[in-house]
N, C-alpha and C. Protein backbone atom coordinates (compact mmCIF):
# COMPACT_ATOMS: atom_id res chain seq x y z
N MET A 1 0.94 -0.94 0.05
CA MET A 1 -0.25 -0.10 -0.08
C MET A 1 0.83 0.95 0.24
N SER A 2 0.35 2.20 -0.94
CA SER A 2 1.29 3.15 -1.02
C SER A 2 1.28 4.37 0.21
N VAL A 3 2.36 4.98 0.26
CA VAL A 3 2.28 5.99 1.79
C VAL A 3 1.12 6.66 1.86
N PRO A 4 0.66 7.62 0.65
CA PRO A 4 -0.07 8.66 0.39
C PRO A 4 -1.87 7.71 1.08
N ARG A 5 -1.94 6.21 0.47
CA ARG A 5 -2.78 5.69 0.74
C ARG A 5 -3.46 5.64 1.85
N ARG A 6 -1.97 5.32 2.72
CA ARG A 6 -2.05 4.66 3.78
C ARG A 6 -2.45 5.86 4.92
N ARG A 7 -2.09 6.97 4.67
CA ARG A 7 -2.36 8.45 5.80
C ARG A 7 -3.49 8.65 5.04
N PHE A 8 -4.09 8.66 4.27
CA PHE A 8 -5.45 8.85 3.91
C PHE A 8 -6.36 8.03 4.69
N LEU A 9 -6.13 6.82 4.77
CA LEU A 9 -6.82 5.98 5.60
C LEU A 9 -6.62 5.94 7.23
N LEU A 10 -5.31 6.00 7.45
CA LEU A 10 -5.46 6.79 8.80
C LEU A 10 -5.81 8.21 9.29
N ILE A 11 -5.89 9.22 8.59
CA ILE A 11 -6.94 10.44 8.71
C ILE A 11 -8.01 10.22 8.81
N PHE A 12 -8.76 9.46 7.35
CA PHE A 12 -9.98 8.78 7.91
C PHE A 12 -10.86 8.26 8.94
N ALA A 13 -9.98 7.07 9.53
CA ALA A 13 -9.98 6.69 10.54
C ALA A 13 -10.60 7.53 11.73
N LEU A 14 -9.25 8.52 11.92
CA LEU A 14 -9.04 9.43 13.38
C LEU A 14 -10.38 10.06 13.49
N VAL A 15 -10.80 10.82 12.04
CA VAL A 15 -11.89 11.60 11.87
C VAL A 15 -13.25 11.41 12.48
N VAL A 16 -13.16 9.51 11.81
CA VAL A 16 -14.86 9.00 12.24
C VAL A 16 -14.52 8.36 13.38
N LEU A 17 -13.39 8.27 14.07
CA LEU A 17 -13.53 8.01 15.88
C LEU A 17 -13.61 9.23 16.30
N VAL A 18 -13.25 10.46 16.22
CA VAL A 18 -13.23 11.71 16.79
C VAL A 18 -14.70 12.03 16.77
N VAL A 19 -15.05 11.82 15.52
CA VAL A 19 -16.49 12.08 15.10
C VAL A 19 -18.09 10.91 16.14
N ALA A 20 -17.43 10.27 15.73
CA ALA A 20 -18.27 8.92 16.59
C ALA A 20 -18.38 9.41 18.00
N GLY A 21 -16.99 9.38 18.49
CA GLY A 21 -16.88 9.75 20.02
C GLY A 21 -17.15 10.60 20.33
N GLY A 22 -17.09 12.18 19.91
CA GLY A 22 -17.32 13.40 20.07
C GLY A 22 -19.73 13.49 20.06
N VAL A 23 -19.42 13.51 18.66
CA VAL A 23 -21.29 13.42 18.34
C VAL A 23 -22.09 12.37 19.15
N ALA A 24 -21.92 11.59 19.67
CA ALA A 24 -22.15 10.84 20.51
C ALA A 24 -22.95 11.22 21.87
N TYR A 25 -22.33 12.05 22.41
CA TYR A 25 -22.60 12.97 23.21
C TYR A 25 -23.88 13.93 23.53
N PHE A 26 -24.09 14.20 21.79
CA PHE A 26 -24.85 15.09 21.49
C PHE A 26 -26.21 14.43 21.11
N ALA A 27 -26.48 13.29 21.43
CA ALA A 27 -27.62 12.47 20.74
C ALA A 27 -28.87 12.65 22.08
N ASP A 28 -29.74 13.01 20.97
CA ASP A 28 -31.15 13.26 22.29
C ASP A 28 -31.91 11.53 22.33
N SER A 29 -31.80 11.42 24.13
CA SER A 29 -32.84 10.67 24.64
C SER A 29 -33.97 10.51 24.32
N ASP A 30 -34.66 11.52 24.09
CA ASP A 30 -36.03 11.73 23.70
C ASP A 30 -36.34 10.61 22.42
N PRO A 31 -37.60 10.17 22.20
CA PRO A 31 -37.96 9.24 21.53
C PRO A 31 -38.06 9.81 20.14
N ASP A 32 -37.35 9.57 18.91
CA ASP A 32 -37.57 9.40 17.20
C ASP A 32 -38.34 9.69 16.87
N GLY A 33 -38.50 10.27 15.44
CA GLY A 33 -40.17 10.27 14.92
C GLY A 33 -40.44 9.18 15.25
N LEU A 34 -40.21 7.92 14.70
CA LEU A 34 -41.13 6.72 15.03
C LEU A 34 -41.51 6.49 16.07
N ASP A 35 -40.38 6.17 17.27
CA ASP A 35 -40.88 5.84 18.53
C ASP A 35 -42.23 7.04 18.53
N ALA A 36 -42.23 8.15 18.54
CA ALA A 36 -43.13 9.35 18.91
C ALA A 36 -44.27 9.25 18.26
N VAL A 37 -44.02 9.07 16.74
CA VAL A 37 -45.92 8.39 16.60
C VAL A 37 -46.21 7.08 16.83
N THR A 38 -45.62 6.12 17.09
CA THR A 38 -46.14 5.00 17.54
C THR A 38 -46.78 5.31 18.88
N GLN A 39 -45.94 6.27 19.94
CA GLN A 39 -46.55 6.39 21.51
C GLN A 39 -47.76 7.77 21.34
N ARG A 40 -48.15 7.67 20.23
CA ARG A 40 -49.37 8.93 20.47
C ARG A 40 -50.21 8.13 21.25
N GLY A 41 -51.13 8.76 22.09
CA GLY A 41 -52.17 8.30 22.88
C GLY A 41 -52.09 7.72 23.84
N CYS A 42 -50.96 7.68 24.23
CA CYS A 42 -50.26 7.33 25.83
C CYS A 42 -49.50 8.21 26.32
N GLU A 43 -49.37 7.62 28.11
CA GLU A 43 -48.61 8.55 28.50
C GLU A 43 -47.67 7.56 28.95
N THR A 44 -46.33 8.02 29.46
CA THR A 44 -45.25 6.99 30.08
C THR A 44 -45.42 7.57 31.57
N VAL A 45 -45.15 6.38 32.11
CA VAL A 45 -45.54 6.58 33.83
C VAL A 45 -44.52 5.63 34.63
N GLN A 46 -44.01 6.04 35.70
CA GLN A 46 -43.36 5.06 36.31
C GLN A 46 -43.97 4.21 37.38
N THR A 47 -43.49 3.02 37.61
CA THR A 47 -44.27 2.00 38.24
C THR A 47 -43.23 1.25 38.97
N GLN A 48 -43.39 0.20 39.55
CA GLN A 48 -42.25 -0.56 40.36
C GLN A 48 -41.79 -1.47 39.70
N GLN A 49 -41.96 -1.79 38.41
CA GLN A 49 -41.60 -2.64 37.21
C GLN A 49 -41.06 -1.65 36.15
N GLY A 50 -40.88 -0.30 36.57
CA GLY A 50 -40.06 0.72 35.64
C GLY A 50 -41.19 1.49 34.94
N GLU A 51 -40.77 1.95 33.46
CA GLU A 51 -41.16 2.99 33.01
C GLU A 51 -42.98 1.83 32.08
N GLN A 52 -43.75 2.51 31.85
CA GLN A 52 -44.89 2.03 31.34
C GLN A 52 -45.49 2.78 30.37
N LEU A 53 -46.45 2.20 29.39
CA LEU A 53 -47.07 3.23 28.64
C LEU A 53 -48.47 2.75 28.99
N ARG A 54 -49.37 3.88 29.44
CA ARG A 54 -50.77 3.91 29.73
C ARG A 54 -51.35 4.71 28.59
N GLY A 55 -52.65 4.00 28.51
CA GLY A 55 -53.27 4.75 27.20
C GLY A 55 -53.33 4.16 25.80
N ASP A 56 -53.98 4.09 24.51
CA ASP A 56 -54.29 3.76 23.42
C ASP A 56 -53.00 3.93 22.57
N CYS A 57 -51.99 2.82 22.36
CA CYS A 57 -51.08 3.65 21.47
C CYS A 57 -50.90 2.58 20.80
N ILE A 58 -50.02 2.34 19.74
CA ILE A 58 -49.28 1.43 19.06
C ILE A 58 -48.12 0.44 20.14
N ALA A 59 -47.44 1.47 20.33
CA ALA A 59 -46.28 0.83 21.40
C ALA A 59 -46.74 0.40 22.49
N GLN A 60 -48.14 0.35 22.80
CA GLN A 60 -48.05 -0.24 24.24
C GLN A 60 -47.94 -1.57 24.56
N HIS A 61 -48.00 -2.91 23.72
CA HIS A 61 -47.45 -3.76 23.22
C HIS A 61 -46.28 -4.33 22.78
N THR A 62 -45.52 -3.30 22.93
CA THR A 62 -43.92 -3.29 22.39
C THR A 62 -43.19 -4.49 23.23
N THR A 63 -42.18 -5.11 23.13
CA THR A 63 -41.28 -5.88 24.31
C THR A 63 -39.83 -5.49 24.20
N ASP A 64 -38.96 -5.43 24.50
CA ASP A 64 -38.01 -5.61 24.41
C ASP A 64 -37.01 -6.01 23.57
N HIS A 65 -35.88 -5.80 22.70
CA HIS A 65 -35.39 -6.95 21.58
C HIS A 65 -34.39 -7.48 22.48
N ALA A 66 -34.03 -8.89 21.54
CA ALA A 66 -33.50 -9.63 22.29
C ALA A 66 -32.12 -9.27 22.66
N LEU A 67 -31.44 -8.11 22.38
CA LEU A 67 -30.22 -7.26 22.89
C LEU A 67 -30.26 -6.58 23.85
N SER A 68 -31.52 -6.01 24.43
CA SER A 68 -31.47 -4.95 24.78
C SER A 68 -30.89 -4.86 26.79
N GLU A 69 -30.28 -5.89 26.41
CA GLU A 69 -29.51 -6.18 27.98
C GLU A 69 -27.84 -6.00 27.63
N GLY A 70 -27.85 -6.00 26.55
CA GLY A 70 -26.74 -6.37 25.86
C GLY A 70 -25.64 -5.24 26.28
N PRO A 71 -24.35 -5.20 26.60
CA PRO A 71 -23.40 -4.67 26.67
C PRO A 71 -23.27 -3.09 26.24
N LEU A 72 -23.52 -2.77 25.04
CA LEU A 72 -23.85 -1.75 24.55
C LEU A 72 -25.36 -1.40 24.22
N ALA A 73 -26.25 -1.87 25.29
CA ALA A 73 -27.64 -1.46 24.61
C ALA A 73 -28.14 -0.04 24.82
N ASP A 74 -28.59 0.86 24.00
CA ASP A 74 -29.02 2.30 24.56
C ASP A 74 -27.94 3.09 24.61
N TYR A 75 -27.28 2.99 23.06
CA TYR A 75 -25.51 3.44 22.93
C TYR A 75 -25.29 4.02 24.61
N ALA A 76 -24.59 2.73 25.34
CA ALA A 76 -24.21 2.77 26.52
C ALA A 76 -23.23 1.83 26.51
N VAL A 77 -22.24 1.84 27.64
CA VAL A 77 -21.55 1.03 27.88
C VAL A 77 -21.71 0.40 29.37
N GLY A 78 -22.27 -0.87 29.15
CA GLY A 78 -22.96 -0.98 30.68
C GLY A 78 -24.23 -0.15 31.28
N GLY A 79 -24.78 0.38 30.67
CA GLY A 79 -25.83 1.11 30.65
C GLY A 79 -25.32 2.19 31.33
N ASP A 80 -24.32 2.83 31.45
CA ASP A 80 -23.97 3.86 32.01
C ASP A 80 -24.01 5.11 30.81
N ASP A 81 -24.32 6.10 31.01
CA ASP A 81 -24.85 7.05 30.05
C ASP A 81 -23.41 7.98 29.58
N ARG A 82 -22.86 7.76 30.70
CA ARG A 82 -21.06 8.51 30.51
C ARG A 82 -20.47 8.28 29.85
N PHE A 83 -20.65 6.85 28.95
CA PHE A 83 -19.78 6.13 28.00
C PHE A 83 -20.34 6.19 27.00
N THR A 84 -21.60 7.09 26.78
CA THR A 84 -22.17 7.21 24.99
C THR A 84 -20.80 7.20 24.21
N GLY A 85 -19.95 8.05 24.42
CA GLY A 85 -18.93 8.03 23.32
C GLY A 85 -17.91 6.94 23.17
N VAL A 86 -17.78 6.38 24.25
CA VAL A 86 -17.12 5.16 24.02
C VAL A 86 -18.09 4.04 22.84
N ALA A 87 -19.00 4.29 23.17
CA ALA A 87 -20.37 3.03 22.60
C ALA A 87 -20.01 3.21 21.03
N GLY A 88 -20.43 4.79 21.11
CA GLY A 88 -19.92 5.53 19.04
C GLY A 88 -18.41 4.81 19.02
N ILE A 89 -17.64 4.91 19.46
CA ILE A 89 -16.19 4.42 19.21
C ILE A 89 -16.13 3.18 18.90
N ILE A 90 -16.33 2.30 19.36
CA ILE A 90 -16.72 0.73 19.10
C ILE A 90 -17.38 0.42 18.40
N GLY A 91 -18.51 1.12 17.87
CA GLY A 91 -19.96 0.96 16.72
C GLY A 91 -19.03 1.33 15.66
N ALA A 92 -17.99 2.73 15.65
CA ALA A 92 -17.53 3.00 14.45
C ALA A 92 -16.38 2.02 13.78
N LEU A 93 -15.67 1.65 15.11
CA LEU A 93 -14.48 0.31 15.20
C LEU A 93 -15.01 -0.63 14.57
N VAL A 94 -16.40 -1.16 14.80
CA VAL A 94 -16.69 -2.68 13.86
C VAL A 94 -17.39 -2.68 12.63
N THR A 95 -17.86 -0.84 12.25
CA THR A 95 -18.10 -1.18 11.34
C THR A 95 -17.04 -0.83 10.29
N LEU A 96 -15.76 0.02 10.49
CA LEU A 96 -15.04 0.33 9.81
C LEU A 96 -14.36 -0.78 9.46
N ALA A 97 -13.99 -1.80 10.74
CA ALA A 97 -13.80 -3.48 10.45
C ALA A 97 -14.53 -4.34 9.62
N ALA A 98 -15.56 -4.10 9.47
CA ALA A 98 -16.31 -4.85 8.55
C ALA A 98 -16.56 -4.38 7.15
N ALA A 99 -16.70 -2.87 7.17
CA ALA A 99 -16.64 -2.47 5.80
C ALA A 99 -15.05 -2.64 5.26
N GLY A 100 -13.92 -2.33 6.05
CA GLY A 100 -12.21 -3.24 5.78
C GLY A 100 -12.64 -4.64 4.76
N GLY A 101 -13.12 -5.04 6.01
CA GLY A 101 -12.95 -6.61 5.63
C GLY A 101 -13.78 -6.91 4.58
N LEU A 102 -14.59 -6.70 3.92
CA LEU A 102 -15.68 -6.68 3.14
C LEU A 102 -14.87 -6.15 1.47
N PHE A 103 -14.19 -4.95 1.94
CA PHE A 103 -13.37 -4.52 0.67
C PHE A 103 -12.37 -5.01 0.52
N TRP A 104 -11.14 -5.38 1.46
CA TRP A 104 -10.19 -6.51 1.46
C TRP A 104 -10.94 -7.40 0.73
N GLY A 105 -11.40 -8.29 1.04
CA GLY A 105 -11.92 -9.85 0.60
C GLY A 105 -12.53 -9.69 -0.63
N LEU A 106 -12.97 -8.25 -1.06
CA LEU A 106 -13.94 -8.71 -2.36
C LEU A 106 -13.07 -7.48 -3.59
N ARG A 107 -11.65 -7.13 -3.26
CA ARG A 107 -11.02 -6.41 -4.27
C ARG A 107 -10.70 -7.05 -5.49
N ARG A 108 -10.56 -6.17 -6.46
CA ARG A 108 -10.23 -7.08 -7.65
C ARG A 108 -8.38 -7.36 -7.58
N ARG A 109 -7.99 -8.40 -8.05
CA ARG A 109 -6.52 -8.86 -7.75
C ARG A 109 -5.91 -8.86 -9.09
N THR A 110 -4.90 -8.17 -8.56
CA THR A 110 -4.12 -8.43 -10.42
C THR A 110 -3.28 -9.48 -9.97
N GLY A 111 -2.16 -9.59 -11.10
CA GLY A 111 -0.80 -10.74 -10.82
C GLY A 111 -1.43 -12.08 -10.98
N GLU A 112 -0.48 -13.30 -10.63
CA GLU A 112 -0.99 -14.33 -10.65
C GLU A 112 -0.92 -14.80 -8.96
N ARG A 113 -1.30 -15.86 -8.78
CA ARG A 113 -1.77 -16.51 -7.11
C ARG A 113 -0.77 -17.47 -6.99
């Protein structure tokens, strides 16, 4: 790999990590558009079991997904919101590794094997 290409990839990866780690702290914890629409007609109330929806809305009968208790659930590390940036960086690293692996595996090869 040539030096300019290697330098570009290194700078690109650093920019991605800084943006992923920094911008993650500005993520809004309020429901996004789809969540807001599905929660129309309900109100969120605190119970002994946690937050529950009361009223008549689509989201009232939803359940958590299989990875909701995972280490990076809700864009946090171990459920700690202070590590949102770390979760963003981990997500960016996984995405860069997957994309890099795909590009490397599917690249056009020249020369003999």
